[in-house]
Amino acid sequence: MESDKGKGGRVEAAIGGRTEKTKIRMQFIGKKVLITGGSRGIGKATAIAFAERGAQVGINFRSNMEEAKKTLAELPGKGHKTFKKDISQKENCEGLVKDFVNAFGRIDVLVNNAGISIFHEIDSVDFDHWTNAWEETFKTNLFAAANMIYWAAQAMMTSGGGRILSVSSRGSFRGEPTKPAYGASKAAMNAMTQSLAKKLAPKKIYLGVVAPGFTETEMAAVTLTPAERENLLRESPFQRMAQPEEVAHAVLFLASEGAEYTSGTIIDVNGASYLRS
C-alpha cells in the first residue's frame, strides 16, 4: 500500500508539474507584440490578452485615433504604444516594423489582424465595383499581411526567432458568395502561412492561423440586421457568435512557448458552425 501511495504521489506531482508548466507557457512576460488592426474587435481583445500576461503591446491602426487611445488606456501594464500606419500601402509595412523595433528593441510576435470586407455580388454590381472590391480586399487582407510577414521575419531572423499569427476566417473554407474576394483573400492567407511555416521553421520563426466564424464585435452590432443575426445564430449549436476573447485565446496558444510544433496549423474558432477534416 505504501508503494502504491508513493507512486500515486509521484503521478500527482507530475500532473501538477505539467499544469504549472502549462500556466507558465501561456505567459508572455517581457515579450514584444505587434498587432495590426489592434484598436477594436478581435485585435483589441488580443492586445488586452497579451498585456494581461505580461507582454508589451504595439497597437497598429489606420485612422481611428480615438479608438486606439481608448484601447491603449485599457491595456494593463506599462510601456504599450500605438502606431498609426495604413499597411495597405506597402511602403508603410517596412516603416511600421522599423518604428516598432526602434520603440521596443525587437519584435517577438506579429499578429496580422487588419482586414476589410466589401460586398460585391456578381449578379448585382457593375464591373468597376467588382474590380475595386477585389483590389482593395487583397491589398489589405493578403498583400499587407505578406508584407508585414516579410519585414517582421527580417527582424526576427536577426533577433533569434519569433511567432507570426494571422487571423483568417471560416469563409476561406466554406465560401463567401456575397463577398468572394474576402473568402479568396483569407484562403490565400492560409496557404501563404503554411508555405512560410515550412520555410521559416529552421530560423525559429513559427507561424499559425486562427480562422474564426462570425464574431460579436462592435462592427457586427452595427451592420447586422435582426434577420441576419438570427440566421447566424442558427448556424452554430452554441446558438451564439464567438466572443473576441475566444479568438484571442487561440492566437495566444499559437504564440505560446511549447506550441512550436504546431507551426503551420489553422485553428477553427467557429462554434462547430462549419466543420472540416
Protein backbone atom coordinates (compact mmCIF):
# COMPACT_ATOMS: atom_id res chain seq x y z
CA MET A 1 0.00 0.00 0.00
CA GLU A 2 2.85 2.38 0.83
CA SER A 3 4.36 1.69 -2.57
CA ASP A 4 1.07 2.46 -4.29
CA LYS A 5 0.72 5.71 -2.39
CA GLY A 6 4.24 6.62 -3.33
CA LYS A 7 3.51 6.01 -7.00
CA GLY A 8 0.29 7.95 -6.74
CA GLY A 9 2.12 10.82 -5.14
CA ARG A 10 4.68 10.87 -7.94
CA VAL A 11 1.95 10.76 -10.58
CA GLU A 12 0.05 13.56 -8.88
CA ALA A 13 3.22 15.62 -8.59
CA ALA A 14 3.99 15.04 -12.25
CA ILE A 15 0.49 16.07 -13.29
CA GLY A 16 0.72 19.12 -11.06
CA GLY A 17 4.09 19.95 -12.58
CA ARG A 18 2.66 19.81 -16.09
CA THR A 19 -0.21 22.03 -15.04
CA GLU A 20 2.12 24.64 -13.63
CA LYS A 21 4.35 24.46 -16.70
CA THR A 22 1.34 24.95 -18.95
CA LYS A 23 0.37 28.04 -16.99
CA ILE A 24 3.88 29.42 -17.34
CA ARG A 25 3.89 28.78 -21.08
CA MET A 26 0.79 30.89 -21.55
CA GLN A 27 2.64 33.87 -20.09
CA PHE A 28 4.38 36.47 -22.27
CA ILE A 29 6.32 38.45 -19.71
CA GLY A 30 8.68 40.84 -21.48
CA LYS A 31 7.57 39.79 -24.97
CA LYS A 32 7.12 42.48 -27.59
CA VAL A 33 3.91 42.02 -29.57
CA LEU A 34 2.72 43.97 -32.63
CA ILE A 35 -0.96 43.69 -33.59
CA THR A 36 -2.30 45.16 -36.82
CA GLY A 37 -5.87 46.39 -36.67
CA GLY A 38 -5.42 46.36 -32.91
CA SER A 39 -7.76 49.11 -31.78
CA ARG A 40 -11.12 47.30 -32.00
CA GLY A 41 -12.81 43.89 -32.04
CA ILE A 42 -10.57 40.83 -32.22
CA GLY A 43 -7.45 42.96 -32.36
CA LYS A 44 -8.37 44.80 -29.18
CA ALA A 45 -9.22 41.58 -27.33
CA THR A 46 -5.90 40.09 -28.43
CA ALA A 47 -3.98 43.18 -27.30
CA ILE A 48 -5.62 43.04 -23.87
CA ALA A 49 -4.97 39.29 -23.54
CA PHE A 50 -1.26 39.65 -24.32
CA ALA A 51 -0.91 42.64 -21.99
CA GLU A 52 -2.66 40.77 -19.16
CA ARG A 53 0.03 38.10 -19.49
CA GLY A 54 2.96 40.46 -19.28
CA ALA A 55 3.65 41.46 -22.89
CA GLN A 56 4.37 44.95 -24.13
CA VAL A 57 1.98 45.61 -26.98
CA GLY A 58 2.09 47.80 -30.05
CA ILE A 59 -1.33 48.63 -31.49
CA ASN A 60 -1.35 49.44 -35.19
CA PHE A 61 -4.35 51.33 -36.55
CA ARG A 62 -5.17 53.10 -39.79
CA SER A 63 -7.21 56.16 -38.90
CA ASN A 64 -9.34 55.98 -35.74
CA MET A 65 -7.08 57.65 -33.19
CA GLU A 66 -9.86 57.91 -30.61
CA GLU A 67 -10.49 54.15 -30.54
CA ALA A 68 -6.75 53.43 -30.46
CA LYS A 69 -6.29 55.69 -27.45
CA LYS A 70 -9.22 54.03 -25.66
CA THR A 71 -7.73 50.59 -26.23
CA LEU A 72 -4.28 51.75 -25.13
CA ALA A 73 -5.77 53.05 -21.89
CA GLU A 74 -7.39 49.66 -21.19
CA LEU A 75 -4.17 47.66 -21.51
CA PRO A 76 -2.81 46.51 -18.15
CA GLY A 77 0.88 47.04 -17.54
CA LYS A 78 3.18 49.72 -18.87
CA GLY A 79 5.11 50.61 -22.00
CA HIS A 80 2.43 49.92 -24.62
CA LYS A 81 2.29 52.12 -27.72
CA THR A 82 0.13 52.97 -30.71
CA PHE A 83 1.33 53.12 -34.32
CA LYS A 84 -0.73 54.94 -36.96
CA LYS A 85 0.04 53.33 -40.34
CA ASP A 86 -2.10 52.34 -43.31
CA ILE A 87 -0.49 49.00 -44.09
CA SER A 88 -2.47 48.57 -47.30
CA GLN A 89 0.25 50.90 -48.66
CA LYS A 90 3.25 48.61 -48.95
CA GLU A 91 5.84 51.23 -48.02
CA ASN A 92 4.18 51.62 -44.62
CA CYS A 93 4.80 47.97 -43.68
CA GLU A 94 8.56 48.39 -43.50
CA GLY A 95 8.08 51.66 -41.62
CA LEU A 96 5.74 50.08 -39.09
CA VAL A 97 8.12 47.24 -38.24
CA LYS A 98 11.08 49.63 -38.03
CA ASP A 99 9.15 52.00 -35.77
CA PHE A 100 8.10 49.09 -33.56
CA VAL A 101 11.66 47.72 -33.26
CA ASN A 102 13.01 51.19 -32.55
CA ALA A 103 10.44 51.57 -29.76
CA PHE A 104 10.71 48.09 -28.21
CA GLY A 105 14.14 46.79 -29.26
CA ARG A 106 12.83 43.72 -31.08
CA ILE A 107 9.64 42.03 -32.27
CA ASP A 108 8.74 38.68 -30.71
CA VAL A 109 5.17 38.27 -32.01
CA LEU A 110 3.34 39.67 -35.02
CA VAL A 111 -0.43 39.30 -35.22
CA ASN A 112 -1.86 40.03 -38.66
CA ASN A 113 -5.40 41.04 -37.78
CA ALA A 114 -6.17 44.02 -40.03
CA GLY A 115 -8.76 43.22 -42.65
CA ILE A 116 -11.65 44.58 -44.68
CA SER A 117 -14.78 43.13 -46.21
CA ILE A 118 -16.64 44.58 -49.20
CA PHE A 119 -19.90 43.22 -50.55
CA HIS A 120 -19.71 42.61 -54.33
CA GLU A 121 -22.35 40.17 -55.53
CA ILE A 122 -21.51 39.17 -59.08
CA ASP A 123 -25.12 39.30 -60.26
CA SER A 124 -25.81 42.81 -58.98
CA VAL A 125 -22.68 45.01 -59.21
CA ASP A 126 -21.01 46.70 -62.15
CA PHE A 127 -17.51 45.83 -63.29
CA ASP A 128 -15.87 48.84 -61.63
CA HIS A 129 -17.32 47.90 -58.24
CA TRP A 130 -16.30 44.27 -58.82
CA THR A 131 -12.68 45.03 -59.66
CA ASN A 132 -12.36 47.64 -56.90
CA ALA A 133 -13.62 45.14 -54.31
CA TRP A 134 -11.04 42.55 -55.36
CA GLU A 135 -8.17 45.01 -55.47
CA GLU A 136 -8.90 46.74 -52.16
CA THR A 137 -9.64 43.49 -50.34
CA PHE A 138 -6.41 41.84 -51.45
CA LYS A 139 -4.33 44.95 -50.71
CA THR A 140 -5.36 44.85 -47.05
CA ASN A 141 -6.16 41.21 -46.33
CA LEU A 142 -3.36 39.49 -48.21
CA PHE A 143 -0.69 41.83 -49.57
CA ALA A 144 -0.42 43.82 -46.35
CA ALA A 145 -0.16 40.60 -44.33
CA ALA A 146 2.51 39.25 -46.71
CA ASN A 147 4.49 42.49 -46.48
CA MET A 148 4.22 42.59 -42.70
CA ILE A 149 5.42 39.00 -42.52
CA TYR A 150 8.39 39.84 -44.75
CA TRP A 151 9.61 42.72 -42.60
CA ALA A 152 8.83 41.03 -39.30
CA ALA A 153 10.71 37.92 -40.42
CA GLN A 154 13.77 40.02 -41.29
CA ALA A 155 13.77 41.45 -37.78
CA MET A 156 13.10 38.06 -36.16
CA MET A 157 15.93 36.37 -38.05
CA THR A 158 18.26 38.98 -36.58
CA SER A 159 16.98 38.57 -33.01
CA GLY A 160 16.78 34.77 -32.96
CA GLY A 161 13.20 33.91 -33.91
CA GLY A 162 9.60 34.70 -33.16
CA ARG A 163 5.95 33.97 -33.81
CA ILE A 164 3.73 35.20 -36.63
CA LEU A 165 -0.03 34.64 -36.35
CA SER A 166 -2.73 35.66 -38.80
CA VAL A 167 -6.48 35.99 -38.39
CA SER A 168 -8.29 34.29 -41.27
CA SER A 169 -11.94 33.22 -41.49
CA ARG A 170 -14.20 30.20 -41.83
CA GLY A 171 -15.14 31.88 -45.12
CA SER A 172 -11.82 30.71 -46.51
CA PHE A 173 -13.24 27.16 -46.41
CA ARG A 174 -17.00 27.43 -46.78
CA GLY A 175 -17.04 30.21 -49.40
CA GLU A 176 -18.38 33.78 -49.33
CA PRO A 177 -20.98 34.18 -52.10
CA THR A 178 -21.71 37.85 -51.38
CA LYS A 179 -18.04 38.84 -50.98
CA PRO A 180 -15.90 36.26 -52.81
CA ALA A 181 -12.76 38.42 -52.66
CA TYR A 182 -12.87 38.19 -48.86
CA GLY A 183 -13.06 34.39 -48.88
CA ALA A 184 -10.33 34.16 -51.52
CA SER A 185 -8.01 36.53 -49.66
CA LYS A 186 -8.33 34.51 -46.46
CA ALA A 187 -7.79 31.21 -48.29
CA ALA A 188 -4.62 32.70 -49.78
CA MET A 189 -3.55 33.81 -46.30
CA ASN A 190 -3.90 30.22 -45.08
CA ALA A 191 -1.78 28.87 -47.95
CA MET A 192 0.84 31.60 -47.52
CA THR A 193 1.15 30.82 -43.82
CA GLN A 194 1.64 27.11 -44.43
CA SER A 195 4.26 27.72 -47.10
CA LEU A 196 6.20 30.09 -44.84
CA ALA A 197 5.86 27.77 -41.83
CA LYS A 198 7.97 25.28 -43.80
CA LYS A 199 10.47 27.89 -44.93
CA LEU A 200 10.97 29.69 -41.63
CA ALA A 201 10.99 26.81 -39.11
CA PRO A 202 14.80 26.44 -39.38
CA LYS A 203 15.03 30.13 -38.45
CA LYS A 204 12.97 29.51 -35.28
CA ILE A 205 10.08 31.54 -36.66
CA TYR A 206 6.75 29.78 -36.17
CA LEU A 207 3.52 30.65 -37.96
CA GLY A 208 -0.13 29.86 -37.44
CA VAL A 209 -3.63 30.91 -38.38
CA VAL A 210 -6.84 31.35 -36.41
CA ALA A 211 -9.99 31.08 -38.54
CA PRO A 212 -13.00 32.48 -36.65
CA GLY A 213 -16.62 32.33 -37.59
CA PHE A 214 -18.73 35.45 -37.18
CA THR A 215 -17.58 37.23 -34.05
CA GLU A 216 -19.53 39.52 -31.71
CA THR A 217 -17.78 42.84 -32.33
CA GLU A 218 -18.85 46.48 -32.45
CA MET A 219 -18.96 46.24 -36.23
CA ALA A 220 -21.28 43.23 -36.12
CA ALA A 221 -23.63 45.08 -33.80
CA VAL A 222 -23.89 47.96 -36.26
CA THR A 223 -24.03 46.11 -39.58
CA LEU A 224 -26.15 43.01 -38.88
CA THR A 225 -29.89 43.17 -39.34
CA PRO A 226 -32.04 41.21 -36.87
CA ALA A 227 -32.76 38.62 -39.59
CA GLU A 228 -29.07 38.22 -40.41
CA ARG A 229 -28.22 37.81 -36.74
CA GLU A 230 -30.90 35.16 -36.33
CA ASN A 231 -29.55 33.22 -39.31
CA LEU A 232 -26.03 33.35 -37.90
CA LEU A 233 -27.17 32.09 -34.51
CA ARG A 234 -28.84 29.10 -36.13
CA GLU A 235 -25.57 28.05 -37.79
CA SER A 236 -23.90 27.01 -34.53
CA PRO A 237 -25.12 24.50 -31.93
CA PHE A 238 -23.91 27.06 -29.37
CA GLN A 239 -26.61 29.39 -30.73
CA ARG A 240 -24.35 32.38 -30.33
CA MET A 241 -21.46 34.09 -32.07
CA ALA A 242 -17.86 33.88 -30.95
CA GLN A 243 -16.63 36.40 -28.43
CA PRO A 244 -13.45 38.30 -29.41
CA GLU A 245 -11.74 36.92 -26.30
CA GLU A 246 -12.28 33.36 -27.55
CA VAL A 247 -10.50 34.16 -30.80
CA ALA A 248 -7.72 35.89 -28.86
CA HIS A 249 -7.25 32.77 -26.72
CA ALA A 250 -6.46 30.71 -29.81
CA VAL A 251 -3.99 33.34 -31.00
CA LEU A 252 -2.21 33.26 -27.65
CA PHE A 253 -1.98 29.48 -27.72
CA LEU A 254 -0.25 29.51 -31.11
CA ALA A 255 2.11 32.25 -29.88
CA SER A 256 2.94 30.46 -26.63
CA GLU A 257 6.05 28.61 -25.60
CA GLY A 258 5.57 24.91 -26.27
CA ALA A 259 3.38 25.40 -29.35
CA GLU A 260 6.30 25.43 -31.80
CA TYR A 261 5.45 22.06 -33.31
CA THR A 262 2.02 23.33 -34.29
CA SER A 263 3.62 25.68 -36.82
CA GLY A 264 1.50 25.78 -39.97
CA THR A 265 -1.69 24.95 -38.05
CA ILE A 266 -5.06 26.56 -38.77
CA ILE A 267 -7.31 26.65 -35.70
CA ASP A 268 -11.05 26.96 -36.30
CA VAL A 269 -12.96 29.09 -33.77
CA ASN A 270 -16.47 28.90 -35.17
CA GLY A 271 -18.60 27.11 -32.59
CA ALA A 272 -18.95 23.99 -34.76
CA SER A 273 -20.81 26.06 -37.37
CA TYR A 274 -18.50 24.79 -40.11
CA LEU A 275 -16.65 21.52 -39.62
CA ARG A 276 -13.86 20.19 -41.82
CA SER A 277 -11.45 17.29 -41.68
